[in-house]
Amino acid sequence: MNLGLRVVSGAFLLALVAAALWLGVPAFAALVGVAAVIGAWEFAGLAAKVAPAPPAWLLYPLTIWLALRFVFPPAYADAAWPLVAALAVGLLVALLAGVSFSGWANAVAGGVYIGLSLGFFTGIYRWHVIDATHFGLRLVALVVLAVMAGDTVAYFVGSATGRRPFFRSISPKKTLEGAVAGAAGSILVGALAGPALVGLSAAAGVGLGALTAVAAQGGDLVESAFKRAAGAKDSSGLIPGHGGLLDRIDSLVLVGPVVYCYLKLIALA
């Protein structure tokens, strides 16, 4: 894989996220929505290689609604009712339309995995404003920085000193040394940048960094396992030098809900 091309594509995506964060909620929500649609498309392509393809009429509306729910009026922001609709009405319509149970289940799973998870980043961005200095922006930046630090440290330490495999059956190239070093990198960012960026205590920052590390590495492994089951190297060929969008954001997908619930737990709002 061309490392230079990978760096350029990564820098472009990072600049796109930074611009959306700076422009405000509409721009950031639009970016999350586009990412969710692309992720659902890649998910559908991989799922079709393992089981019946998820019906588009259920997968995409559910994914989009769950991804954008935090920008809707409060009465419509609850994720429970669209999930109930997908489970009850969606299943009934699927059966009447001759869609297999597996295809319906894949659509619901894709909507939850992609839409519900990514949507939490909009929720984090729209967090209750403690001051008037772009608090939501700084909060999302902290999370992304912790994930990037973990990924970067894990890659270089794993490449240089990694010897023991970490979930060999899922991702043979990952090592235990890299995973531990990556977790340490995320924890260090949480401990140092958490107080500086959003006023967390050092202990709360360590907790955020630790949970981010677990969720990020878990998200990476989940996507690797999915691609392995589908017999695919990449989720798609969309991004030059890296494959698909899910290949680029797999470490972020599960982090959103974990961090959001953690912030609720420590009552940051």
Foldseek 3Di string as FASTA:
>chain_A
DDPVLVVVLLVVVVVQCLVQLVVDLVSNLVVLLVLQQQQLVLLQVLVVLQDPGADPVQQNVLLNCLQNLVVDPPVRNDNVVSLVCLVPVVVVVCVVVVHDPSNSVSSSVSSCLRRNQNSLLSVQQPDDDPDDDSLSSLRSVLLVQLLVQLVVQLVVQLVPPFDAADPCVQPVSGGPRSLVRSLVRLLVSLQPVVCVRNNDHSVLSNVLSNLLSVQLVVLQSVVSNSCVSSVHPASAQPRPPQGGPCSVCSSRRRSSVSNSVSCVVVVSD
